[in-house]
Amino acid sequence: MTLRAFLLIVSTLLCAQAHAFGAAGHRAVGTIADELIAGTNAAKEVRKILGSNLRTASVWADCAKGVNTTTFKYGGDGKYPECAVYENPGSKAQMVAFVRRNVGNCTSAHGAEVCHKQYHYTDVAVQREAYVKGQVGTSDQDVVAAVAAMIAVLQGNEAPEPFRIAGKKEALRLLSHYLGDIHQPLHVAAVYLDTDGQVVDPDEGVFDPATETQGGNVLMLGTKRLHGEWDSVGGVVTSSPLSPGILKKARAVPSTPGPMEQWSTAWASEVLVDGKVAFEGLSYSAEDAKKHQYQVTLPAGYNQMKAQVQREQVIKAGARLAQILTTLWP
């Protein structure tokens, strides 16, 4: 193994607990969907399947990352308050079972990431204008495929390869999370750099996969990861109860046309284009080869832009989760 490959693996392991939108953002997605389906047949089906609501279910996929993939024991007890509801023997056994089924069932296209962690993202280069399977950063087990797979299970079908899903409860827990993931710009759009910190197009010419920026996890703002800054969602969109203004905006999100099986591709394409603002105006240092990291300089007004985009994406994710459920169970 080369030093560069080793550093890539270490870096991936260190950022394995990065959560798209964080617990607050994922809960907001679930809360919006809960409110939008309230009083419908879909709400009854959700309650019957989950025994809880979408807000509670939305963090399950990240809580499952607390399962050690060598010992298959849950080691997250007390570390993440949002996971406390799942830190009982029965729920831990369910997380362990999911991880066991979804560790080595796919081709590892992202360094040391085990399969179920690959379900949370895709890494399409910012030069692209649409998500197309086969581009660098896409895979049969990326978030686009994962959303479609969970919909298939909820439709009563078997999960497509390589997914190993136990049933509708597990699928709905995962879907409520992956809808947040697919709307987080750094879980879809990615910048690829050479060792000098210059942007390269990985789909054109020769590309060294060791220089990929892992969804912004090796792009550093001092000691903070750019990815983590995009995960951190606050403001009115995370308030509970939700403000009437947020719900009004969620109800105004247009329905996605076409077959439901194609919706995740359409959403990824939209996020890819709209999410490019996350990389506009950024400048990058040369690579720190020891840490496989790049220092990033942000343009003026970046944080205000980020907060606005995060709010809009959380609202869209909640509205689209509700659209899936009301389509499944009208």
C-alpha atoms as a PDB file:
ATOM      1  CA  MET A   1       0.000   0.000   0.000  1.00  0.00           C
ATOM      2  CA  THR A   2       1.350   3.444  -0.903  1.00  0.00           C
ATOM      3  CA  LEU A   3       1.610   6.212   1.690  1.00  0.00           C
ATOM      4  CA  ARG A   4      -0.988   8.254  -0.198  1.00  0.00           C
ATOM      5  CA  ALA A   5      -3.462   5.358  -0.181  1.00  0.00           C
ATOM      6  CA  PHE A   6      -2.862   4.814   3.536  1.00  0.00           C
ATOM      7  CA  LEU A   7      -3.501   8.467   4.283  1.00  0.00           C
ATOM      8  CA  LEU A   8      -6.697   8.348   2.255  1.00  0.00           C
ATOM      9  CA  ILE A   9      -7.948   5.418   4.337  1.00  0.00           C
ATOM     10  CA  VAL A  10      -7.032   7.099   7.631  1.00  0.00           C
ATOM     11  CA  SER A  11      -8.739  10.316   6.589  1.00  0.00           C
ATOM     12  CA  THR A  12     -11.874   8.424   5.584  1.00  0.00           C
ATOM     13  CA  LEU A  13     -12.014   6.624   8.913  1.00  0.00           C
ATOM     14  CA  LEU A  14     -11.610   9.851  10.846  1.00  0.00           C
ATOM     15  CA  CYS A  15     -14.572  11.453   9.124  1.00  0.00           C
ATOM     16  CA  ALA A  16     -16.804   8.374   9.074  1.00  0.00           C
ATOM     17  CA  GLN A  17     -19.176   9.907  11.619  1.00  0.00           C
ATOM     18  CA  ALA A  18     -19.851  12.984   9.468  1.00  0.00           C
ATOM     19  CA  HIS A  19     -23.617  13.336   9.298  1.00  0.00           C
ATOM     20  CA  ALA A  20     -25.359  15.101   6.434  1.00  0.00           C
ATOM     21  CA  PHE A  21     -27.227  18.080   7.934  1.00  0.00           C
ATOM     22  CA  GLY A  22     -26.435  16.730  11.426  1.00  0.00           C
ATOM     23  CA  ALA A  23     -29.147  15.528  13.789  1.00  0.00           C
ATOM     24  CA  ALA A  24     -30.912  18.895  13.845  1.00  0.00           C
ATOM     25  CA  GLY A  25     -31.201  19.047  10.072  1.00  0.00           C
ATOM     26  CA  HIS A  26     -32.344  15.449   9.687  1.00  0.00           C
ATOM     27  CA  ARG A  27     -34.930  15.875  12.418  1.00  0.00           C
ATOM     28  CA  ALA A  28     -36.161  19.005  10.653  1.00  0.00           C
ATOM     29  CA  VAL A  29     -36.607  17.014   7.434  1.00  0.00           C
ATOM     30  CA  GLY A  30     -38.601  14.400   9.331  1.00  0.00           C
ATOM     31  CA  THR A  31     -40.660  17.006  11.162  1.00  0.00           C
ATOM     32  CA  ILE A  32     -41.600  18.794   7.942  1.00  0.00           C
ATOM     33  CA  ALA A  33     -42.693  15.518   6.376  1.00  0.00           C
ATOM     34  CA  ASP A  34     -44.653  14.566   9.528  1.00  0.00           C
ATOM     35  CA  GLU A  35     -46.528  17.848   9.363  1.00  0.00           C
ATOM     36  CA  LEU A  36     -47.236  17.612   5.639  1.00  0.00           C
ATOM     37  CA  ILE A  37     -48.719  14.111   5.859  1.00  0.00           C
ATOM     38  CA  ALA A  38     -50.639  14.704   9.096  1.00  0.00           C
ATOM     39  CA  GLY A  39     -54.196  13.380   8.880  1.00  0.00           C
ATOM     40  CA  THR A  40     -53.568  11.369   5.703  1.00  0.00           C
ATOM     41  CA  ASN A  41     -53.532   7.666   4.976  1.00  0.00           C
ATOM     42  CA  ALA A  42     -49.760   7.980   4.554  1.00  0.00           C
ATOM     43  CA  ALA A  43     -49.459   9.148   8.175  1.00  0.00           C
ATOM     44  CA  LYS A  44     -51.371   6.060   9.337  1.00  0.00           C
ATOM     45  CA  GLU A  45     -49.073   3.772   7.328  1.00  0.00           C
ATOM     46  CA  VAL A  46     -45.961   5.486   8.650  1.00  0.00           C
ATOM     47  CA  ARG A  47     -47.121   5.077  12.238  1.00  0.00           C
ATOM     48  CA  LYS A  48     -48.048   1.439  11.617  1.00  0.00           C
ATOM     49  CA  ILE A  49     -44.670   0.638  10.084  1.00  0.00           C
ATOM     50  CA  LEU A  50     -42.400   2.661  12.364  1.00  0.00           C
ATOM     51  CA  GLY A  51     -44.304   2.736  15.622  1.00  0.00           C
ATOM     52  CA  SER A  52     -43.007   6.306  15.831  1.00  0.00           C
ATOM     53  CA  ASN A  53     -42.725   9.335  13.563  1.00  0.00           C
ATOM     54  CA  LEU A  54     -40.374  10.400  10.802  1.00  0.00           C
ATOM     55  CA  ARG A  55     -38.583  12.894  13.055  1.00  0.00           C
ATOM     56  CA  THR A  56     -37.461  10.053  15.321  1.00  0.00           C
ATOM     57  CA  ALA A  57     -36.659   7.697  12.439  1.00  0.00           C
ATOM     58  CA  SER A  58     -34.609  10.257  10.504  1.00  0.00           C
ATOM     59  CA  VAL A  59     -31.431   9.760  12.574  1.00  0.00           C
ATOM     60  CA  TRP A  60     -31.428   5.943  12.617  1.00  0.00           C
ATOM     61  CA  ALA A  61     -29.087   5.487   9.653  1.00  0.00           C
ATOM     62  CA  ASP A  62     -26.430   7.649  11.290  1.00  0.00           C
ATOM     63  CA  CYS A  63     -26.921   5.982  14.671  1.00  0.00           C
ATOM     64  CA  ALA A  64     -26.184   2.661  12.946  1.00  0.00           C
ATOM     65  CA  LYS A  65     -22.721   4.015  12.145  1.00  0.00           C
ATOM     66  CA  GLY A  66     -21.994   3.428  15.827  1.00  0.00           C
ATOM     67  CA  VAL A  67     -21.815  -0.311  15.123  1.00  0.00           C
ATOM     68  CA  ASN A  68     -18.211  -1.497  14.921  1.00  0.00           C
ATOM     69  CA  THR A  69     -17.748  -3.327  11.621  1.00  0.00           C
ATOM     70  CA  THR A  70     -15.152  -5.685  13.053  1.00  0.00           C
ATOM     71  CA  THR A  71     -16.763  -6.726  16.340  1.00  0.00           C
ATOM     72  CA  PHE A  72     -20.332  -5.913  15.261  1.00  0.00           C
ATOM     73  CA  LYS A  73     -21.043  -4.334  18.604  1.00  0.00           C
ATOM     74  CA  TYR A  74     -22.732  -0.988  19.055  1.00  0.00           C
ATOM     75  CA  GLY A  75     -20.279   1.460  20.581  1.00  0.00           C
ATOM     76  CA  GLY A  76     -22.181   4.718  20.419  1.00  0.00           C
ATOM     77  CA  ASP A  77     -23.839   4.610  23.834  1.00  0.00           C
ATOM     78  CA  GLY A  78     -24.175   8.101  25.245  1.00  0.00           C
ATOM     79  CA  LYS A  79     -22.198   9.790  22.451  1.00  0.00           C
ATOM     80  CA  TYR A  80     -25.088  11.200  20.429  1.00  0.00           C
ATOM     81  CA  PRO A  81     -28.237  12.347  22.301  1.00  0.00           C
ATOM     82  CA  GLU A  82     -30.417  11.810  19.248  1.00  0.00           C
ATOM     83  CA  CYS A  83     -29.524   8.102  19.277  1.00  0.00           C
ATOM     84  CA  ALA A  84     -30.582   7.513  22.897  1.00  0.00           C
ATOM     85  CA  VAL A  85     -33.995   6.237  21.779  1.00  0.00           C
ATOM     86  CA  TYR A  86     -32.225   3.409  19.921  1.00  0.00           C
ATOM     87  CA  GLU A  87     -29.767   2.500  22.674  1.00  0.00           C
ATOM     88  CA  ASN A  88     -31.724  -0.414  24.089  1.00  0.00           C
ATOM     89  CA  PRO A  89     -31.030  -4.118  23.462  1.00  0.00           C
ATOM     90  CA  GLY A  90     -33.724  -4.620  20.831  1.00  0.00           C
ATOM     91  CA  SER A  91     -32.909  -1.512  18.808  1.00  0.00           C
ATOM     92  CA  LYS A  92     -29.173  -2.104  19.012  1.00  0.00           C
ATOM     93  CA  ALA A  93     -29.714  -5.629  17.693  1.00  0.00           C
ATOM     94  CA  GLN A  94     -31.597  -4.160  14.715  1.00  0.00           C
ATOM     95  CA  MET A  95     -28.745  -1.741  13.943  1.00  0.00           C
ATOM     96  CA  VAL A  96     -26.179  -4.529  14.228  1.00  0.00           C
ATOM     97  CA  ALA A  97     -28.224  -6.746  11.901  1.00  0.00           C
ATOM     98  CA  PHE A  98     -28.459  -3.977   9.308  1.00  0.00           C
ATOM     99  CA  VAL A  99     -24.721  -3.316   9.423  1.00  0.00           C
ATOM    100  CA  ARG A 100     -23.842  -7.026   9.198  1.00  0.00           C
ATOM    101  CA  ARG A 101     -25.927  -7.330   6.031  1.00  0.00           C
ATOM    102  CA  ASN A 102     -24.525  -4.166   4.470  1.00  0.00           C
ATOM    103  CA  VAL A 103     -20.787  -4.153   5.119  1.00  0.00           C
ATOM    104  CA  GLY A 104     -19.151  -6.261   2.418  1.00  0.00           C
ATOM    105  CA  ASN A 105     -21.973  -6.566  -0.070  1.00  0.00           C
ATOM    106  CA  CYS A 106     -20.669  -4.024  -2.585  1.00  0.00           C
ATOM    107  CA  THR A 107     -17.588  -2.910  -4.467  1.00  0.00           C
ATOM    108  CA  SER A 108     -15.650  -0.464  -2.318  1.00  0.00           C
ATOM    109  CA  ALA A 109     -15.212   2.528  -4.586  1.00  0.00           C
ATOM    110  CA  HIS A 110     -14.468   5.000  -1.818  1.00  0.00           C
ATOM    111  CA  GLY A 111     -11.355   3.916   0.044  1.00  0.00           C
ATOM    112  CA  ALA A 112     -12.130   2.320   3.375  1.00  0.00           C
ATOM    113  CA  GLU A 113     -15.834   3.122   3.428  1.00  0.00           C
ATOM    114  CA  VAL A 114     -17.960   0.036   4.086  1.00  0.00           C
ATOM    115  CA  CYS A 115     -21.064  -0.383   1.971  1.00  0.00           C
ATOM    116  CA  HIS A 116     -23.754   1.029   4.248  1.00  0.00           C
ATOM    117  CA  LYS A 117     -21.741   4.235   4.651  1.00  0.00           C
ATOM    118  CA  GLN A 118     -21.540   4.608   0.878  1.00  0.00           C
ATOM    119  CA  TYR A 119     -25.355   4.698   0.795  1.00  0.00           C
ATOM    120  CA  HIS A 120     -25.260   8.261   2.165  1.00  0.00           C
ATOM    121  CA  TYR A 121     -23.603  10.129  -0.710  1.00  0.00           C
ATOM    122  CA  THR A 122     -22.450  10.416  -4.273  1.00  0.00           C
ATOM    123  CA  ASP A 123     -19.485  12.560  -5.394  1.00  0.00           C
ATOM    124  CA  VAL A 124     -20.206  14.010  -8.836  1.00  0.00           C
ATOM    125  CA  ALA A 125     -17.695  16.563 -10.119  1.00  0.00           C
ATOM    126  CA  VAL A 126     -18.875  20.173 -10.116  1.00  0.00           C
ATOM    127  CA  GLN A 127     -18.159  20.346 -13.857  1.00  0.00           C
ATOM    128  CA  ARG A 128     -21.159  18.106 -14.589  1.00  0.00           C
ATOM    129  CA  GLU A 129     -24.654  19.478 -15.243  1.00  0.00           C
ATOM    130  CA  ALA A 130     -26.610  16.354 -14.348  1.00  0.00           C
ATOM    131  CA  TYR A 131     -26.240  13.115 -12.434  1.00  0.00           C
ATOM    132  CA  VAL A 132     -25.458  10.243 -14.785  1.00  0.00           C
ATOM    133  CA  LYS A 133     -24.558   6.779 -13.531  1.00  0.00           C
ATOM    134  CA  GLY A 134     -21.005   5.902 -14.560  1.00  0.00           C
ATOM    135  CA  GLN A 135     -19.491   9.298 -13.850  1.00  0.00           C
ATOM    136  CA  VAL A 136     -16.612   9.413 -11.389  1.00  0.00           C
ATOM    137  CA  GLY A 137     -18.057   9.424  -7.880  1.00  0.00           C
ATOM    138  CA  THR A 138     -21.247   7.524  -8.740  1.00  0.00           C
ATOM    139  CA  SER A 139     -21.857   3.875  -7.914  1.00  0.00           C
ATOM    140  CA  ASP A 140     -24.528   1.202  -7.653  1.00  0.00           C
ATOM    141  CA  GLN A 141     -24.655   1.882  -3.909  1.00  0.00           C
ATOM    142  CA  ASP A 142     -24.625   5.678  -3.780  1.00  0.00           C
ATOM    143  CA  VAL A 143     -27.373   7.808  -2.260  1.00  0.00           C
ATOM    144  CA  VAL A 144     -29.236   8.039  -5.572  1.00  0.00           C
ATOM    145  CA  ALA A 145     -29.440   4.260  -5.794  1.00  0.00           C
ATOM    146  CA  ALA A 146     -30.190   4.018  -2.065  1.00  0.00           C
ATOM    147  CA  VAL A 147     -33.259   6.275  -2.241  1.00  0.00           C
ATOM    148  CA  ALA A 148     -34.609   4.311  -5.211  1.00  0.00           C
ATOM    149  CA  ALA A 149     -33.920   1.029  -3.398  1.00  0.00           C
ATOM    150  CA  MET A 150     -35.828   2.087  -0.287  1.00  0.00           C
ATOM    151  CA  ILE A 151     -38.784   3.172  -2.414  1.00  0.00           C
ATOM    152  CA  ALA A 152     -38.757  -0.257  -4.084  1.00  0.00           C
ATOM    153  CA  VAL A 153     -38.911  -2.019  -0.730  1.00  0.00           C
ATOM    154  CA  LEU A 154     -41.764   0.211   0.434  1.00  0.00           C
ATOM    155  CA  GLN A 155     -43.587  -0.685  -2.788  1.00  0.00           C
ATOM    156  CA  GLY A 156     -43.407  -4.319  -1.692  1.00  0.00           C
ATOM    157  CA  ASN A 157     -40.500  -5.351  -3.899  1.00  0.00           C
ATOM    158  CA  GLU A 158     -37.175  -6.921  -3.029  1.00  0.00           C
ATOM    159  CA  ALA A 159     -34.303  -4.499  -2.545  1.00  0.00           C
ATOM    160  CA  PRO A 160     -32.140  -4.348  -5.680  1.00  0.00           C
ATOM    161  CA  GLU A 161     -28.486  -5.325  -5.528  1.00  0.00           C
ATOM    162  CA  PRO A 162     -26.363  -4.608  -3.562  1.00  0.00           C
ATOM    163  CA  PHE A 163     -28.765  -3.498  -0.820  1.00  0.00           C
ATOM    164  CA  ARG A 164     -29.735  -5.912   1.957  1.00  0.00           C
ATOM    165  CA  ILE A 165     -32.863  -4.478   3.576  1.00  0.00           C
ATOM    166  CA  ALA A 166     -34.851  -6.417   6.184  1.00  0.00           C
ATOM    167  CA  GLY A 167     -38.279  -4.957   5.465  1.00  0.00           C
ATOM    168  CA  LYS A 168     -40.430  -1.855   5.314  1.00  0.00           C
ATOM    169  CA  LYS A 169     -39.536  -0.581   8.782  1.00  0.00           C
ATOM    170  CA  GLU A 170     -35.831  -0.571   8.023  1.00  0.00           C
ATOM    171  CA  ALA A 171     -36.441   0.881   4.564  1.00  0.00           C
ATOM    172  CA  LEU A 172     -38.568   3.729   5.918  1.00  0.00           C
ATOM    173  CA  ARG A 173     -36.016   4.563   8.588  1.00  0.00           C
ATOM    174  CA  LEU A 174     -33.333   4.714   5.934  1.00  0.00           C
ATOM    175  CA  LEU A 175     -35.436   6.646   3.434  1.00  0.00           C
ATOM    176  CA  SER A 176     -36.260   9.320   6.026  1.00  0.00           C
ATOM    177  CA  HIS A 177     -32.524   9.851   6.429  1.00  0.00           C
ATOM    178  CA  TYR A 178     -31.362   9.531   2.838  1.00  0.00           C
ATOM    179  CA  LEU A 179     -33.776  12.256   1.724  1.00  0.00           C
ATOM    180  CA  GLY A 180     -31.785  14.634   3.893  1.00  0.00           C
ATOM    181  CA  ASP A 181     -28.522  13.273   2.539  1.00  0.00           C
ATOM    182  CA  ILE A 182     -29.428  13.673  -1.118  1.00  0.00           C
ATOM    183  CA  HIS A 183     -30.361  17.326  -0.531  1.00  0.00           C
ATOM    184  CA  GLN A 184     -27.095  18.223   1.229  1.00  0.00           C
ATOM    185  CA  PRO A 185     -24.948  19.788  -1.534  1.00  0.00           C
ATOM    186  CA  LEU A 186     -21.700  18.222  -0.333  1.00  0.00           C
ATOM    187  CA  HIS A 187     -23.290  14.774  -0.436  1.00  0.00           C
ATOM    188  CA  VAL A 188     -23.836  15.182  -4.184  1.00  0.00           C
ATOM    189  CA  ALA A 189     -21.477  17.776  -5.688  1.00  0.00           C
ATOM    190  CA  ALA A 190     -17.737  17.381  -5.263  1.00  0.00           C
ATOM    191  CA  VAL A 191     -14.626  19.283  -6.210  1.00  0.00           C
ATOM    192  CA  TYR A 192     -11.587  17.303  -7.334  1.00  0.00           C
ATOM    193  CA  LEU A 193      -8.105  18.790  -6.876  1.00  0.00           C
ATOM    194  CA  ASP A 194      -4.568  17.978  -7.852  1.00  0.00           C
ATOM    195  CA  THR A 195      -1.730  18.131  -5.355  1.00  0.00           C
ATOM    196  CA  ASP A 196      -1.231  21.840  -6.102  1.00  0.00           C
ATOM    197  CA  GLY A 197      -4.817  22.612  -5.091  1.00  0.00           C
ATOM    198  CA  GLN A 198      -5.940  23.223  -8.669  1.00  0.00           C
ATOM    199  CA  VAL A 199      -9.399  22.042  -9.686  1.00  0.00           C
ATOM    200  CA  VAL A 200      -9.359  19.100 -12.090  1.00  0.00           C
ATOM    201  CA  ASP A 201     -12.062  17.265 -14.010  1.00  0.00           C
ATOM    202  CA  PRO A 202     -11.948  13.592 -12.969  1.00  0.00           C
ATOM    203  CA  ASP A 203     -14.045  12.527 -15.965  1.00  0.00           C
ATOM    204  CA  GLU A 204     -11.521  13.965 -18.417  1.00  0.00           C
ATOM    205  CA  GLY A 205      -7.972  12.682 -18.811  1.00  0.00           C
ATOM    206  CA  VAL A 206      -5.943  11.016 -16.076  1.00  0.00           C
ATOM    207  CA  PHE A 207      -7.282  11.241 -12.524  1.00  0.00           C
ATOM    208  CA  ASP A 208      -5.591  10.170  -9.280  1.00  0.00           C
ATOM    209  CA  PRO A 209      -8.413   8.980  -6.975  1.00  0.00           C
ATOM    210  CA  ALA A 210      -6.221   9.610  -3.938  1.00  0.00           C
ATOM    211  CA  THR A 211      -6.713  13.362  -4.438  1.00  0.00           C
ATOM    212  CA  GLU A 212     -10.521  13.319  -4.220  1.00  0.00           C
ATOM    213  CA  THR A 213     -11.815  15.615  -1.504  1.00  0.00           C
ATOM    214  CA  GLN A 214     -14.319  13.149  -0.011  1.00  0.00           C
ATOM    215  CA  GLY A 215     -17.321  15.427  -0.099  1.00  0.00           C
ATOM    216  CA  GLY A 216     -15.357  18.271   1.429  1.00  0.00           C
ATOM    217  CA  ASN A 217     -14.118  16.204   4.373  1.00  0.00           C
ATOM    218  CA  VAL A 218     -10.478  16.974   3.520  1.00  0.00           C
ATOM    219  CA  LEU A 219     -11.175  20.634   2.725  1.00  0.00           C
ATOM    220  CA  MET A 220     -10.228  22.454   5.905  1.00  0.00           C
ATOM    221  CA  LEU A 221     -11.193  25.804   7.385  1.00  0.00           C
ATOM    222  CA  GLY A 222      -8.394  25.873   9.900  1.00  0.00           C
ATOM    223  CA  THR A 223      -9.165  22.769  11.948  1.00  0.00           C
ATOM    224  CA  LYS A 224     -12.790  22.461  10.777  1.00  0.00           C
ATOM    225  CA  ARG A 225     -13.972  20.444   7.801  1.00  0.00           C
ATOM    226  CA  LEU A 226     -15.961  22.229   5.106  1.00  0.00           C
ATOM    227  CA  HIS A 227     -18.284  19.233   5.021  1.00  0.00           C
ATOM    228  CA  GLY A 228     -19.016  19.614   8.717  1.00  0.00           C
ATOM    229  CA  GLU A 229     -19.862  23.273   8.286  1.00  0.00           C
ATOM    230  CA  TRP A 230     -22.493  22.298   5.711  1.00  0.00           C
ATOM    231  CA  ASP A 231     -23.831  19.582   8.015  1.00  0.00           C
ATOM    232  CA  SER A 232     -24.433  22.089  10.791  1.00  0.00           C
ATOM    233  CA  VAL A 233     -27.958  23.441  10.329  1.00  0.00           C
ATOM    234  CA  GLY A 234     -29.594  25.964  12.640  1.00  0.00           C
ATOM    235  CA  GLY A 235     -32.158  28.703  12.601  1.00  0.00           C
ATOM    236  CA  VAL A 236     -35.910  28.675  12.227  1.00  0.00           C
ATOM    237  CA  VAL A 237     -35.998  25.555  10.045  1.00  0.00           C
ATOM    238  CA  THR A 238     -34.905  23.439  13.038  1.00  0.00           C
ATOM    239  CA  SER A 239     -37.321  24.951  15.546  1.00  0.00           C
ATOM    240  CA  SER A 240     -39.951  22.763  17.147  1.00  0.00           C
ATOM    241  CA  PRO A 241     -42.790  23.290  16.578  1.00  0.00           C
ATOM    242  CA  LEU A 242     -42.119  24.462  13.050  1.00  0.00           C
ATOM    243  CA  SER A 243     -42.992  28.003  12.165  1.00  0.00           C
ATOM    244  CA  PRO A 244     -45.975  28.571   9.844  1.00  0.00           C
ATOM    245  CA  GLY A 245     -43.597  30.193   7.360  1.00  0.00           C
ATOM    246  CA  ILE A 246     -41.498  27.048   7.000  1.00  0.00           C
ATOM    247  CA  LEU A 247     -44.564  24.879   6.516  1.00  0.00           C
ATOM    248  CA  LYS A 248     -45.948  27.302   3.941  1.00  0.00           C
ATOM    249  CA  LYS A 249     -42.718  27.073   1.959  1.00  0.00           C
ATOM    250  CA  ALA A 250     -42.706  23.281   2.240  1.00  0.00           C
ATOM    251  CA  ARG A 251     -46.259  23.054   0.913  1.00  0.00           C
ATOM    252  CA  ALA A 252     -45.234  25.235  -2.024  1.00  0.00           C
ATOM    253  CA  VAL A 253     -42.458  22.857  -3.179  1.00  0.00           C
ATOM    254  CA  PRO A 254     -43.606  21.558  -6.593  1.00  0.00           C
ATOM    255  CA  SER A 255     -44.294  17.857  -6.992  1.00  0.00           C
ATOM    256  CA  THR A 256     -41.600  16.003  -8.888  1.00  0.00           C
ATOM    257  CA  PRO A 257     -42.896  14.735 -12.251  1.00  0.00           C
ATOM    258  CA  GLY A 258     -42.251  11.368 -13.804  1.00  0.00           C
ATOM    259  CA  PRO A 259     -42.072   7.842 -12.351  1.00  0.00           C
ATOM    260  CA  MET A 260     -41.202   7.730  -8.648  1.00  0.00           C
ATOM    261  CA  GLU A 261     -38.306   5.357  -9.387  1.00  0.00           C
ATOM    262  CA  GLN A 262     -36.566   8.221 -11.243  1.00  0.00           C
ATOM    263  CA  TRP A 263     -37.079  10.928  -8.645  1.00  0.00           C
ATOM    264  CA  SER A 264     -33.772  10.430  -6.848  1.00  0.00           C
ATOM    265  CA  THR A 265     -31.866  10.929 -10.105  1.00  0.00           C
ATOM    266  CA  ALA A 266     -33.793  14.138 -10.782  1.00  0.00           C
ATOM    267  CA  TRP A 267     -33.128  15.418  -7.269  1.00  0.00           C
ATOM    268  CA  ALA A 268     -29.424  14.616  -7.456  1.00  0.00           C
ATOM    269  CA  SER A 269     -29.171  16.483 -10.758  1.00  0.00           C
ATOM    270  CA  GLU A 270     -30.922  19.487  -9.246  1.00  0.00           C
ATOM    271  CA  VAL A 271     -28.728  19.480  -6.135  1.00  0.00           C
ATOM    272  CA  LEU A 272     -25.625  19.061  -8.286  1.00  0.00           C
ATOM    273  CA  VAL A 273     -26.434  22.218 -10.241  1.00  0.00           C
ATOM    274  CA  ASP A 274     -27.783  24.302  -7.366  1.00  0.00           C
ATOM    275  CA  GLY A 275     -25.164  23.032  -4.952  1.00  0.00           C
ATOM    276  CA  LYS A 276     -22.265  24.309  -7.013  1.00  0.00           C
ATOM    277  CA  VAL A 277     -22.547  27.551  -5.024  1.00  0.00           C
ATOM    278  CA  ALA A 278     -20.879  25.632  -2.177  1.00  0.00           C
ATOM    279  CA  PHE A 279     -17.643  25.749  -4.197  1.00  0.00           C
ATOM    280  CA  GLU A 280     -17.964  29.109  -5.953  1.00  0.00           C
ATOM    281  CA  GLY A 281     -15.228  31.571  -5.072  1.00  0.00           C
ATOM    282  CA  LEU A 282     -13.246  29.096  -2.957  1.00  0.00           C
ATOM    283  CA  SER A 283      -9.476  28.958  -3.218  1.00  0.00           C
ATOM    284  CA  TYR A 284      -7.419  25.965  -2.137  1.00  0.00           C
ATOM    285  CA  SER A 285      -3.918  25.504  -0.796  1.00  0.00           C
ATOM    286  CA  ALA A 286      -1.573  22.848  -2.074  1.00  0.00           C
ATOM    287  CA  GLU A 287      -2.195  19.461  -0.512  1.00  0.00           C
ATOM    288  CA  ASP A 288      -0.775  18.724   2.923  1.00  0.00           C
ATOM    289  CA  ALA A 289       0.488  15.298   1.905  1.00  0.00           C
ATOM    290  CA  LYS A 290       0.946  14.105   5.486  1.00  0.00           C
ATOM    291  CA  LYS A 291      -2.701  14.695   6.353  1.00  0.00           C
ATOM    292  CA  HIS A 292      -4.177  14.542   2.829  1.00  0.00           C
ATOM    293  CA  GLN A 293      -5.889  17.880   3.424  1.00  0.00           C
ATOM    294  CA  TYR A 294      -6.250  21.240   1.707  1.00  0.00           C
ATOM    295  CA  GLN A 295      -6.791  24.569   3.434  1.00  0.00           C
ATOM    296  CA  VAL A 296      -9.706  26.536   2.008  1.00  0.00           C
ATOM    297  CA  THR A 297     -10.296  30.282   1.820  1.00  0.00           C
ATOM    298  CA  LEU A 298     -13.948  31.348   1.636  1.00  0.00           C
ATOM    299  CA  PRO A 299     -15.267  34.380  -0.264  1.00  0.00           C
ATOM    300  CA  ALA A 300     -17.128  37.205   1.472  1.00  0.00           C
ATOM    301  CA  GLY A 301     -20.729  36.408   2.363  1.00  0.00           C
ATOM    302  CA  TYR A 302     -20.202  32.659   2.180  1.00  0.00           C
ATOM    303  CA  ASN A 303     -21.755  31.778   5.530  1.00  0.00           C
ATOM    304  CA  GLN A 304     -24.909  33.769   4.814  1.00  0.00           C
ATOM    305  CA  MET A 305     -25.260  31.993   1.471  1.00  0.00           C
ATOM    306  CA  LYS A 306     -24.683  28.617   3.131  1.00  0.00           C
ATOM    307  CA  ALA A 307     -27.397  29.199   5.738  1.00  0.00           C
ATOM    308  CA  GLN A 308     -29.909  30.151   3.051  1.00  0.00           C
ATOM    309  CA  VAL A 309     -29.106  27.130   0.894  1.00  0.00           C
ATOM    310  CA  GLN A 310     -29.269  24.780   3.885  1.00  0.00           C
ATOM    311  CA  ARG A 311     -32.694  26.101   4.852  1.00  0.00           C
ATOM    312  CA  GLU A 312     -34.016  25.703   1.306  1.00  0.00           C
ATOM    313  CA  GLN A 313     -32.623  22.189   0.965  1.00  0.00           C
ATOM    314  CA  VAL A 314     -34.034  20.988   4.289  1.00  0.00           C
ATOM    315  CA  ILE A 315     -37.468  22.277   3.265  1.00  0.00           C
ATOM    316  CA  LYS A 316     -37.250  20.531  -0.111  1.00  0.00           C
ATOM    317  CA  ALA A 317     -36.110  17.288   1.499  1.00  0.00           C
ATOM    318  CA  GLY A 318     -39.040  17.273   3.924  1.00  0.00           C
ATOM    319  CA  ALA A 319     -41.538  18.104   1.195  1.00  0.00           C
ATOM    320  CA  ARG A 320     -40.187  15.405  -1.103  1.00  0.00           C
ATOM    321  CA  LEU A 321     -40.180  12.792   1.631  1.00  0.00           C
ATOM    322  CA  ALA A 322     -43.850  13.605   2.153  1.00  0.00           C
ATOM    323  CA  GLN A 323     -44.445  13.368  -1.618  1.00  0.00           C
ATOM    324  CA  ILE A 324     -42.975   9.866  -1.711  1.00  0.00           C
ATOM    325  CA  LEU A 325     -45.133   8.707   1.186  1.00  0.00           C
ATOM    326  CA  THR A 326     -48.405  10.189  -0.061  1.00  0.00           C
ATOM    327  CA  THR A 327     -47.706   8.663  -3.473  1.00  0.00           C
ATOM    328  CA  LEU A 328     -47.050   5.267  -1.925  1.00  0.00           C
ATOM    329  CA  TRP A 329     -50.090   5.437   0.334  1.00  0.00           C
ATOM    330  CA  PRO A 330     -52.637   7.876  -1.144  1.00  0.00           C
END
